[in-house]
All heavy atoms as atom14 arrays in JSON, in Angstrom:
{
  "sequence": "AQLSGAQLQALKMQLNPHFLFNTHHAIVGLILEQENDRAIDMVTSL",
  "atom14_mask": [
    [1, 1, 1, 1, 1, 0, 0, 0, 0, 0, 0, 0, 0, 0],
    [1, 1, 1, 1, 1, 1, 1, 1, 1, 0, 0, 0, 0, 0],
    [1, 1, 1, 1, 1, 1, 1, 1, 0, 0, 0, 0, 0, 0],
    [1, 1, 1, 1, 1, 1, 0, 0, 0, 0, 0, 0, 0, 0],
    [1, 1, 1, 1, 0, 0, 0, 0, 0, 0, 0, 0, 0, 0],
    [1, 1, 1, 1, 1, 0, 0, 0, 0, 0, 0, 0, 0, 0],
    [1, 1, 1, 1, 1, 1, 1, 1, 1, 0, 0, 0, 0, 0],
    [1, 1, 1, 1, 1, 1, 1, 1, 0, 0, 0, 0, 0, 0],
    [1, 1, 1, 1, 1, 1, 1, 1, 1, 0, 0, 0, 0, 0],
    [1, 1, 1, 1, 1, 0, 0, 0, 0, 0, 0, 0, 0, 0],
    [1, 1, 1, 1, 1, 1, 1, 1, 0, 0, 0, 0, 0, 0],
    [1, 1, 1, 1, 1, 1, 1, 1, 1, 0, 0, 0, 0, 0],
    [1, 1, 1, 1, 1, 1, 1, 1, 0, 0, 0, 0, 0, 0],
    [1, 1, 1, 1, 1, 1, 1, 1, 1, 0, 0, 0, 0, 0],
    [1, 1, 1, 1, 1, 1, 1, 1, 0, 0, 0, 0, 0, 0],
    [1, 1, 1, 1, 1, 1, 1, 1, 0, 0, 0, 0, 0, 0],
    [1, 1, 1, 1, 1, 1, 1, 0, 0, 0, 0, 0, 0, 0],
    [1, 1, 1, 1, 1, 1, 1, 1, 1, 1, 0, 0, 0, 0],
    [1, 1, 1, 1, 1, 1, 1, 1, 1, 1, 1, 0, 0, 0],
    [1, 1, 1, 1, 1, 1, 1, 1, 0, 0, 0, 0, 0, 0],
    [1, 1, 1, 1, 1, 1, 1, 1, 1, 1, 1, 0, 0, 0],
    [1, 1, 1, 1, 1, 1, 1, 1, 0, 0, 0, 0, 0, 0],
    [1, 1, 1, 1, 1, 1, 1, 0, 0, 0, 0, 0, 0, 0],
    [1, 1, 1, 1, 1, 1, 1, 1, 1, 1, 0, 0, 0, 0],
    [1, 1, 1, 1, 1, 1, 1, 1, 1, 1, 0, 0, 0, 0],
    [1, 1, 1, 1, 1, 0, 0, 0, 0, 0, 0, 0, 0, 0],
    [1, 1, 1, 1, 1, 1, 1, 1, 0, 0, 0, 0, 0, 0],
    [1, 1, 1, 1, 1, 1, 1, 0, 0, 0, 0, 0, 0, 0],
    [1, 1, 1, 1, 0, 0, 0, 0, 0, 0, 0, 0, 0, 0],
    [1, 1, 1, 1, 1, 1, 1, 1, 0, 0, 0, 0, 0, 0],
    [1, 1, 1, 1, 1, 1, 1, 1, 0, 0, 0, 0, 0, 0],
    [1, 1, 1, 1, 1, 1, 1, 1, 0, 0, 0, 0, 0, 0],
    [1, 1, 1, 1, 1, 1, 1, 1, 1, 0, 0, 0, 0, 0],
    [1, 1, 1, 1, 1, 1, 1, 1, 1, 0, 0, 0, 0, 0],
    [1, 1, 1, 1, 1, 1, 1, 1, 1, 0, 0, 0, 0, 0],
    [1, 1, 1, 1, 1, 1, 1, 1, 0, 0, 0, 0, 0, 0],
    [1, 1, 1, 1, 1, 1, 1, 1, 0, 0, 0, 0, 0, 0],
    [1, 1, 1, 1, 1, 1, 1, 1, 1, 1, 1, 0, 0, 0],
    [1, 1, 1, 1, 1, 0, 0, 0, 0, 0, 0, 0, 0, 0],
    [1, 1, 1, 1, 1, 1, 1, 1, 0, 0, 0, 0, 0, 0],
    [1, 1, 1, 1, 1, 1, 1, 1, 0, 0, 0, 0, 0, 0],
    [1, 1, 1, 1, 1, 1, 1, 1, 0, 0, 0, 0, 0, 0],
    [1, 1, 1, 1, 1, 1, 1, 0, 0, 0, 0, 0, 0, 0],
    [1, 1, 1, 1, 1, 1, 1, 0, 0, 0, 0, 0, 0, 0],
    [1, 1, 1, 1, 1, 1, 0, 0, 0, 0, 0, 0, 0, 0],
    [1, 1, 1, 1, 1, 1, 1, 1, 0, 0, 0, 0, 0, 0]
  ],
  "atom14_positions": [
    [[230.48, 113.71, 150.0], [231.61, 113.6, 150.87], [231.32, 113.87, 152.22], [231.73, 113.18, 153.21], [232.8, 114.54, 150.35], [0.0, 0.0, 0.0], [0.0, 0.0, 0.0], [0.0, 0.0, 0.0], [0.0, 0.0, 0.0], [0.0, 0.0, 0.0], [0.0, 0.0, 0.0], [0.0, 0.0, 0.0], [0.0, 0.0, 0.0], [0.0, 0.0, 0.0]],
    [[230.46, 114.97, 152.43], [230.05, 115.28, 153.85], [229.24, 114.19, 154.56], [229.2, 114.06, 155.71], [229.37, 116.6, 153.82], [230.18, 117.81, 153.47], [229.42, 119.03, 153.21], [228.18, 119.08, 153.26], [229.97, 120.14, 152.9], [0.0, 0.0, 0.0], [0.0, 0.0, 0.0], [0.0, 0.0, 0.0], [0.0, 0.0, 0.0], [0.0, 0.0, 0.0]],
    [[228.49, 113.41, 153.6], [227.61, 112.44, 154.19], [228.25, 111.08, 154.35], [227.61, 110.12, 154.53], [226.37, 112.31, 153.26], [225.48, 113.43, 153.1], [224.35, 113.21, 152.14], [224.83, 113.73, 154.55], [0.0, 0.0, 0.0], [0.0, 0.0, 0.0], [0.0, 0.0, 0.0], [0.0, 0.0, 0.0], [0.0, 0.0, 0.0], [0.0, 0.0, 0.0]],
    [[229.63, 110.97, 154.18], [230.3, 109.83, 154.29], [230.85, 109.52, 155.74], [231.71, 108.54, 155.87], [231.53, 109.75, 153.35], [232.44, 110.81, 153.69], [0.0, 0.0, 0.0], [0.0, 0.0, 0.0], [0.0, 0.0, 0.0], [0.0, 0.0, 0.0], [0.0, 0.0, 0.0], [0.0, 0.0, 0.0], [0.0, 0.0, 0.0], [0.0, 0.0, 0.0]],
    [[230.35, 110.21, 156.72], [230.78, 110.05, 158.07], [230.13, 108.83, 158.8], [229.36, 108.19, 158.2], [0.0, 0.0, 0.0], [0.0, 0.0, 0.0], [0.0, 0.0, 0.0], [0.0, 0.0, 0.0], [0.0, 0.0, 0.0], [0.0, 0.0, 0.0], [0.0, 0.0, 0.0], [0.0, 0.0, 0.0], [0.0, 0.0, 0.0], [0.0, 0.0, 0.0]],
    [[230.28, 108.75, 160.11], [229.72, 107.67, 160.87], [228.33, 107.55, 160.76], [227.65, 106.54, 160.89], [230.21, 107.83, 162.37], [0.0, 0.0, 0.0], [0.0, 0.0, 0.0], [0.0, 0.0, 0.0], [0.0, 0.0, 0.0], [0.0, 0.0, 0.0], [0.0, 0.0, 0.0], [0.0, 0.0, 0.0], [0.0, 0.0, 0.0], [0.0, 0.0, 0.0]],
    [[227.53, 108.72, 160.67], [226.09, 108.68, 160.87], [225.64, 108.01, 159.59], [224.6, 107.19, 159.65], [225.49, 110.09, 160.91], [223.95, 110.11, 161.1], [223.47, 111.47, 161.35], [224.17, 112.44, 161.35], [222.18, 111.59, 161.63], [0.0, 0.0, 0.0], [0.0, 0.0, 0.0], [0.0, 0.0, 0.0], [0.0, 0.0, 0.0], [0.0, 0.0, 0.0]],
    [[226.1, 108.24, 158.4], [225.57, 107.67, 157.19], [225.96, 106.17, 157.15], [225.26, 105.39, 156.71], [226.16, 108.36, 155.89], [225.69, 107.78, 154.57], [224.17, 107.9, 154.43], [226.37, 108.51, 153.41], [0.0, 0.0, 0.0], [0.0, 0.0, 0.0], [0.0, 0.0, 0.0], [0.0, 0.0, 0.0], [0.0, 0.0, 0.0], [0.0, 0.0, 0.0]],
    [[227.2, 105.81, 157.66], [227.63, 104.53, 157.71], [226.53, 103.78, 158.59], [226.23, 102.66, 158.23], [228.99, 104.35, 158.35], [230.16, 104.85, 157.44], [231.48, 104.87, 158.08], [231.58, 104.55, 159.2], [232.44, 105.24, 157.32], [0.0, 0.0, 0.0], [0.0, 0.0, 0.0], [0.0, 0.0, 0.0], [0.0, 0.0, 0.0], [0.0, 0.0, 0.0]],
    [[226.16, 104.36, 159.71], [225.22, 103.62, 160.61], [223.89, 103.46, 159.87], [223.25, 102.39, 160.06], [225.05, 104.41, 161.86], [0.0, 0.0, 0.0], [0.0, 0.0, 0.0], [0.0, 0.0, 0.0], [0.0, 0.0, 0.0], [0.0, 0.0, 0.0], [0.0, 0.0, 0.0], [0.0, 0.0, 0.0], [0.0, 0.0, 0.0], [0.0, 0.0, 0.0]],
    [[223.4, 104.45, 159.08], [222.22, 104.29, 158.41], [222.26, 103.05, 157.39], [221.39, 102.29, 157.26], [221.83, 105.53, 157.73], [221.25, 106.7, 158.47], [221.2, 107.98, 157.69], [219.72, 106.31, 158.85], [0.0, 0.0, 0.0], [0.0, 0.0, 0.0], [0.0, 0.0, 0.0], [0.0, 0.0, 0.0], [0.0, 0.0, 0.0], [0.0, 0.0, 0.0]],
    [[223.35, 103.1, 156.72], [223.54, 101.88, 155.81], [223.54, 100.58, 156.5], [223.0, 99.56, 155.99], [224.87, 102.17, 155.03], [224.8, 103.28, 153.98], [226.12, 103.45, 153.28], [226.06, 104.52, 152.14], [227.36, 104.69, 151.48], [0.0, 0.0, 0.0], [0.0, 0.0, 0.0], [0.0, 0.0, 0.0], [0.0, 0.0, 0.0], [0.0, 0.0, 0.0]],
    [[224.2, 100.56, 157.68], [224.28, 99.25, 158.39], [222.83, 98.9, 158.91], [222.36, 97.7, 158.82], [225.17, 99.41, 159.66], [226.65, 99.62, 159.23], [227.56, 99.97, 160.72], [229.16, 100.33, 159.98], [0.0, 0.0, 0.0], [0.0, 0.0, 0.0], [0.0, 0.0, 0.0], [0.0, 0.0, 0.0], [0.0, 0.0, 0.0], [0.0, 0.0, 0.0]],
    [[222.04, 99.86, 159.32], [220.79, 99.62, 159.93], [219.69, 99.36, 158.83], [218.87, 98.59, 158.91], [220.2, 100.77, 160.74], [221.03, 100.95, 162.0], [220.89, 99.77, 162.98], [219.94, 98.93, 162.84], [221.76, 99.54, 163.88], [0.0, 0.0, 0.0], [0.0, 0.0, 0.0], [0.0, 0.0, 0.0], [0.0, 0.0, 0.0], [0.0, 0.0, 0.0]],
    [[219.88, 100.03, 157.63], [218.87, 99.9, 156.61], [219.4, 98.9, 155.5], [218.83, 99.0, 154.35], [218.69, 101.28, 155.98], [218.13, 102.31, 156.91], [218.03, 103.71, 156.18], [216.81, 101.9, 157.45], [0.0, 0.0, 0.0], [0.0, 0.0, 0.0], [0.0, 0.0, 0.0], [0.0, 0.0, 0.0], [0.0, 0.0, 0.0], [0.0, 0.0, 0.0]],
    [[220.13, 98.01, 155.84], [220.67, 97.04, 154.87], [219.48, 96.05, 154.52], [218.52, 95.88, 155.33], [221.9, 96.24, 155.33], [221.56, 95.33, 156.38], [220.94, 94.31, 156.2], [221.99, 95.61, 157.64], [0.0, 0.0, 0.0], [0.0, 0.0, 0.0], [0.0, 0.0, 0.0], [0.0, 0.0, 0.0], [0.0, 0.0, 0.0], [0.0, 0.0, 0.0]],
    [[219.35, 95.6, 153.32], [218.22, 94.7, 152.91], [217.92, 93.57, 153.9], [216.74, 93.26, 154.05], [218.54, 94.3, 151.52], [219.51, 95.4, 150.98], [220.23, 95.86, 152.15], [0.0, 0.0, 0.0], [0.0, 0.0, 0.0], [0.0, 0.0, 0.0], [0.0, 0.0, 0.0], [0.0, 0.0, 0.0], [0.0, 0.0, 0.0], [0.0, 0.0, 0.0]],
    [[218.99, 93.03, 154.41], [218.83, 91.79, 155.25], [218.09, 92.23, 156.5], [217.19, 91.46, 156.87], [220.24, 91.27, 155.55], [220.26, 90.01, 156.55], [220.3, 90.23, 157.93], [220.23, 88.72, 156.25], [220.18, 88.97, 158.4], [220.17, 88.04, 157.48], [0.0, 0.0, 0.0], [0.0, 0.0, 0.0], [0.0, 0.0, 0.0], [0.0, 0.0, 0.0]],
    [[218.5, 93.29, 157.1], [217.87, 93.74, 158.35], [216.46, 94.06, 158.15], [215.55, 93.79, 158.85], [218.72, 94.87, 159.08], [218.04, 95.49, 160.13], [218.04, 94.87, 161.43], [217.48, 96.69, 160.1], [217.4, 95.41, 162.55], [216.85, 97.33, 161.14], [216.79, 96.68, 162.4], [0.0, 0.0, 0.0], [0.0, 0.0, 0.0], [0.0, 0.0, 0.0]],
    [[216.15, 95.0, 157.08], [214.88, 95.44, 156.88], [214.01, 94.3, 156.43], [212.79, 94.24, 156.91], [214.87, 96.56, 155.74], [215.23, 97.92, 156.28], [215.16, 98.93, 155.13], [214.37, 98.31, 157.42], [0.0, 0.0, 0.0], [0.0, 0.0, 0.0], [0.0, 0.0, 0.0], [0.0, 0.0, 0.0], [0.0, 0.0, 0.0], [0.0, 0.0, 0.0]],
    [[214.41, 93.37, 155.62], [213.56, 92.32, 155.25], [213.17, 91.4, 156.31], [212.0, 91.12, 156.5], [214.4, 91.47, 154.14], [213.57, 90.2, 153.72], [212.54, 90.21, 152.77], [213.86, 88.96, 154.33], [211.88, 89.15, 152.43], [213.18, 87.79, 154.01], [212.17, 87.96, 153.02], [0.0, 0.0, 0.0], [0.0, 0.0, 0.0], [0.0, 0.0, 0.0]],
    [[214.08, 91.06, 157.22], [213.75, 90.26, 158.36], [212.76, 90.83, 159.36], [212.01, 90.28, 159.88], [215.16, 89.82, 159.08], [215.75, 88.76, 158.43], [215.24, 87.97, 157.57], [217.15, 88.52, 158.63], [0.0, 0.0, 0.0], [0.0, 0.0, 0.0], [0.0, 0.0, 0.0], [0.0, 0.0, 0.0], [0.0, 0.0, 0.0], [0.0, 0.0, 0.0]],
    [[213.01, 92.23, 159.51], [212.16, 92.89, 160.41], [210.76, 93.07, 159.86], [209.78, 92.78, 160.56], [212.7, 94.36, 160.72], [214.03, 94.23, 161.35], [211.81, 95.08, 161.8], [0.0, 0.0, 0.0], [0.0, 0.0, 0.0], [0.0, 0.0, 0.0], [0.0, 0.0, 0.0], [0.0, 0.0, 0.0], [0.0, 0.0, 0.0], [0.0, 0.0, 0.0]],
    [[210.69, 93.41, 158.57], [209.36, 93.51, 157.92], [208.63, 92.14, 157.89], [207.44, 92.01, 158.19], [209.53, 94.06, 156.5], [208.33, 94.01, 155.71], [207.9, 93.01, 154.85], [207.28, 95.01, 155.7], [206.69, 93.36, 154.32], [206.33, 94.54, 154.75], [0.0, 0.0, 0.0], [0.0, 0.0, 0.0], [0.0, 0.0, 0.0], [0.0, 0.0, 0.0]],
    [[209.35, 91.13, 157.6], [208.77, 89.79, 157.58], [208.3, 89.32, 158.92], [207.18, 88.75, 159.09], [209.84, 88.78, 157.11], [209.4, 87.29, 157.02], [208.49, 86.89, 156.06], [209.56, 86.25, 157.82], [208.23, 85.64, 156.22], [208.91, 85.16, 157.29], [0.0, 0.0, 0.0], [0.0, 0.0, 0.0], [0.0, 0.0, 0.0], [0.0, 0.0, 0.0]],
    [[209.11, 89.67, 159.96], [208.61, 89.33, 161.3], [207.38, 90.02, 161.73], [206.46, 89.52, 162.32], [209.77, 89.64, 162.4], [0.0, 0.0, 0.0], [0.0, 0.0, 0.0], [0.0, 0.0, 0.0], [0.0, 0.0, 0.0], [0.0, 0.0, 0.0], [0.0, 0.0, 0.0], [0.0, 0.0, 0.0], [0.0, 0.0, 0.0], [0.0, 0.0, 0.0]],
    [[207.27, 91.35, 161.35], [206.09, 92.16, 161.7], [204.85, 91.63, 160.97], [203.8, 91.35, 161.55], [206.32, 93.67, 161.29], [207.33, 94.23, 162.11], [205.02, 94.38, 161.27], [207.82, 95.66, 161.58], [0.0, 0.0, 0.0], [0.0, 0.0, 0.0], [0.0, 0.0, 0.0], [0.0, 0.0, 0.0], [0.0, 0.0, 0.0], [0.0, 0.0, 0.0]],
    [[204.98, 91.2, 159.66], [203.88, 90.71, 158.91], [203.46, 89.33, 159.62], [202.27, 88.93, 159.66], [204.2, 90.42, 157.48], [203.22, 89.61, 156.71], [204.46, 91.75, 156.72], [0.0, 0.0, 0.0], [0.0, 0.0, 0.0], [0.0, 0.0, 0.0], [0.0, 0.0, 0.0], [0.0, 0.0, 0.0], [0.0, 0.0, 0.0], [0.0, 0.0, 0.0]],
    [[204.46, 88.55, 159.95], [204.17, 87.21, 160.57], [203.39, 87.35, 161.85], [202.43, 86.61, 162.18], [0.0, 0.0, 0.0], [0.0, 0.0, 0.0], [0.0, 0.0, 0.0], [0.0, 0.0, 0.0], [0.0, 0.0, 0.0], [0.0, 0.0, 0.0], [0.0, 0.0, 0.0], [0.0, 0.0, 0.0], [0.0, 0.0, 0.0], [0.0, 0.0, 0.0]],
    [[203.75, 88.4, 162.63], [203.04, 88.67, 163.96], [201.59, 89.05, 163.63], [200.68, 88.7, 164.39], [203.85, 89.7, 164.71], [205.13, 89.27, 165.27], [205.82, 90.47, 165.91], [204.99, 88.07, 166.32], [0.0, 0.0, 0.0], [0.0, 0.0, 0.0], [0.0, 0.0, 0.0], [0.0, 0.0, 0.0], [0.0, 0.0, 0.0], [0.0, 0.0, 0.0]],
    [[201.41, 89.84, 162.56], [200.05, 90.38, 162.3], [199.24, 89.18, 161.83], [198.0, 89.01, 162.33], [200.11, 91.51, 161.19], [200.77, 92.68, 161.73], [198.69, 91.78, 160.76], [201.1, 93.84, 160.81], [0.0, 0.0, 0.0], [0.0, 0.0, 0.0], [0.0, 0.0, 0.0], [0.0, 0.0, 0.0], [0.0, 0.0, 0.0], [0.0, 0.0, 0.0]],
    [[199.76, 88.31, 161.0], [199.01, 87.17, 160.51], [198.7, 86.17, 161.67], [197.6, 85.5, 161.62], [199.81, 86.49, 159.45], [199.97, 87.17, 158.1], [200.93, 86.44, 157.23], [198.64, 87.46, 157.42], [0.0, 0.0, 0.0], [0.0, 0.0, 0.0], [0.0, 0.0, 0.0], [0.0, 0.0, 0.0], [0.0, 0.0, 0.0], [0.0, 0.0, 0.0]],
    [[199.52, 86.23, 162.6], [199.29, 85.31, 163.78], [198.46, 86.01, 164.88], [198.19, 85.47, 165.98], [200.57, 84.86, 164.44], [201.44, 83.98, 163.59], [202.86, 83.81, 164.09], [203.15, 84.25, 165.25], [203.66, 83.09, 163.49], [0.0, 0.0, 0.0], [0.0, 0.0, 0.0], [0.0, 0.0, 0.0], [0.0, 0.0, 0.0], [0.0, 0.0, 0.0]],
    [[197.98, 87.17, 164.58], [197.15, 88.01, 165.36], [197.85, 88.37, 166.68], [197.09, 88.53, 167.76], [195.75, 87.33, 165.61], [195.0, 87.12, 164.35], [193.57, 86.64, 164.61], [193.18, 86.23, 165.65], [192.78, 86.64, 163.53], [0.0, 0.0, 0.0], [0.0, 0.0, 0.0], [0.0, 0.0, 0.0], [0.0, 0.0, 0.0], [0.0, 0.0, 0.0]],
    [[199.1, 88.43, 166.67], [199.87, 88.93, 167.88], [200.15, 90.31, 167.72], [201.26, 90.81, 167.38], [201.14, 88.09, 168.05], [200.91, 86.62, 168.25], [202.22, 85.85, 168.97], [202.85, 86.59, 169.6], [202.31, 84.7, 168.65], [0.0, 0.0, 0.0], [0.0, 0.0, 0.0], [0.0, 0.0, 0.0], [0.0, 0.0, 0.0], [0.0, 0.0, 0.0]],
    [[199.05, 91.14, 167.7], [199.08, 92.51, 167.41], [200.03, 93.26, 168.43], [200.67, 94.28, 168.07], [197.75, 93.16, 167.41], [196.91, 92.64, 166.25], [197.45, 92.17, 165.19], [195.61, 92.59, 166.38], [0.0, 0.0, 0.0], [0.0, 0.0, 0.0], [0.0, 0.0, 0.0], [0.0, 0.0, 0.0], [0.0, 0.0, 0.0], [0.0, 0.0, 0.0]],
    [[199.97, 92.98, 169.65], [200.81, 93.67, 170.68], [202.29, 93.55, 170.34], [202.99, 94.51, 170.53], [200.49, 93.26, 172.08], [199.16, 93.61, 172.57], [198.46, 94.56, 171.98], [198.6, 92.96, 173.56], [0.0, 0.0, 0.0], [0.0, 0.0, 0.0], [0.0, 0.0, 0.0], [0.0, 0.0, 0.0], [0.0, 0.0, 0.0], [0.0, 0.0, 0.0]],
    [[202.71, 92.39, 169.94], [204.01, 92.25, 169.72], [204.46, 92.93, 168.35], [205.51, 93.5, 168.21], [204.4, 90.63, 169.57], [204.49, 90.01, 170.89], [204.82, 88.59, 170.8], [206.12, 88.38, 170.1], [206.39, 87.34, 169.33], [205.47, 86.42, 169.03], [207.56, 87.23, 168.8], [0.0, 0.0, 0.0], [0.0, 0.0, 0.0], [0.0, 0.0, 0.0]],
    [[203.55, 92.94, 167.42], [203.71, 93.55, 166.14], [203.93, 95.06, 166.35], [204.82, 95.71, 165.74], [202.63, 93.3, 165.13], [0.0, 0.0, 0.0], [0.0, 0.0, 0.0], [0.0, 0.0, 0.0], [0.0, 0.0, 0.0], [0.0, 0.0, 0.0], [0.0, 0.0, 0.0], [0.0, 0.0, 0.0], [0.0, 0.0, 0.0], [0.0, 0.0, 0.0]],
    [[202.98, 95.66, 167.18], [203.1, 97.03, 167.46], [204.53, 97.41, 168.26], [205.03, 98.33, 167.94], [201.93, 97.44, 168.37], [200.58, 97.46, 167.52], [202.06, 98.92, 168.96], [199.33, 97.63, 168.23], [0.0, 0.0, 0.0], [0.0, 0.0, 0.0], [0.0, 0.0, 0.0], [0.0, 0.0, 0.0], [0.0, 0.0, 0.0], [0.0, 0.0, 0.0]],
    [[204.84, 96.56, 169.11], [205.99, 96.61, 169.82], [207.26, 96.72, 168.92], [208.17, 97.54, 169.04], [206.26, 95.54, 170.82], [207.42, 95.81, 171.83], [207.84, 96.97, 171.86], [207.68, 94.85, 172.61], [0.0, 0.0, 0.0], [0.0, 0.0, 0.0], [0.0, 0.0, 0.0], [0.0, 0.0, 0.0], [0.0, 0.0, 0.0], [0.0, 0.0, 0.0]],
    [[207.26, 95.82, 167.88], [208.34, 95.73, 166.9], [208.42, 97.08, 166.04], [209.44, 97.59, 165.85], [208.23, 94.54, 166.11], [209.49, 94.41, 165.09], [209.58, 92.9, 164.24], [210.25, 91.9, 165.47], [0.0, 0.0, 0.0], [0.0, 0.0, 0.0], [0.0, 0.0, 0.0], [0.0, 0.0, 0.0], [0.0, 0.0, 0.0], [0.0, 0.0, 0.0]],
    [[207.16, 97.46, 165.53], [207.12, 98.71, 164.77], [207.67, 99.93, 165.59], [208.43, 100.78, 165.15], [205.66, 98.93, 164.34], [205.61, 100.32, 163.59], [205.31, 97.85, 163.28], [0.0, 0.0, 0.0], [0.0, 0.0, 0.0], [0.0, 0.0, 0.0], [0.0, 0.0, 0.0], [0.0, 0.0, 0.0], [0.0, 0.0, 0.0], [0.0, 0.0, 0.0]],
    [[207.21, 99.97, 166.87], [207.65, 101.05, 167.71], [209.18, 101.04, 167.95], [209.81, 102.08, 167.91], [206.89, 101.03, 169.09], [205.47, 101.08, 168.8], [207.35, 102.1, 169.93], [0.0, 0.0, 0.0], [0.0, 0.0, 0.0], [0.0, 0.0, 0.0], [0.0, 0.0, 0.0], [0.0, 0.0, 0.0], [0.0, 0.0, 0.0], [0.0, 0.0, 0.0]],
    [[209.68, 99.81, 168.16], [211.21, 99.72, 168.32], [211.9, 100.07, 167.17], [212.97, 100.74, 167.28], [211.46, 98.24, 168.85], [210.84, 97.93, 170.04], [0.0, 0.0, 0.0], [0.0, 0.0, 0.0], [0.0, 0.0, 0.0], [0.0, 0.0, 0.0], [0.0, 0.0, 0.0], [0.0, 0.0, 0.0], [0.0, 0.0, 0.0], [0.0, 0.0, 0.0]],
    [[211.45, 99.79, 165.94], [212.12, 100.05, 164.64], [212.07, 101.6, 164.53], [213.08, 102.21, 164.07], [211.38, 99.42, 163.57], [211.96, 99.71, 162.13], [213.48, 99.31, 162.15], [211.23, 99.02, 161.07], [0.0, 0.0, 0.0], [0.0, 0.0, 0.0], [0.0, 0.0, 0.0], [0.0, 0.0, 0.0], [0.0, 0.0, 0.0], [0.0, 0.0, 0.0]]
  ]
}
């Protein structure tokens, strides 16, 4: 009950499968394309 406030709601919003999947997929794609600077930038931003 204590964890049902706005902070947990935000975690659920940010950590939803759609968001994490797309971010992870984008990072892998950047690495495969050898765009390491952009991949590092995305990991840091996440």
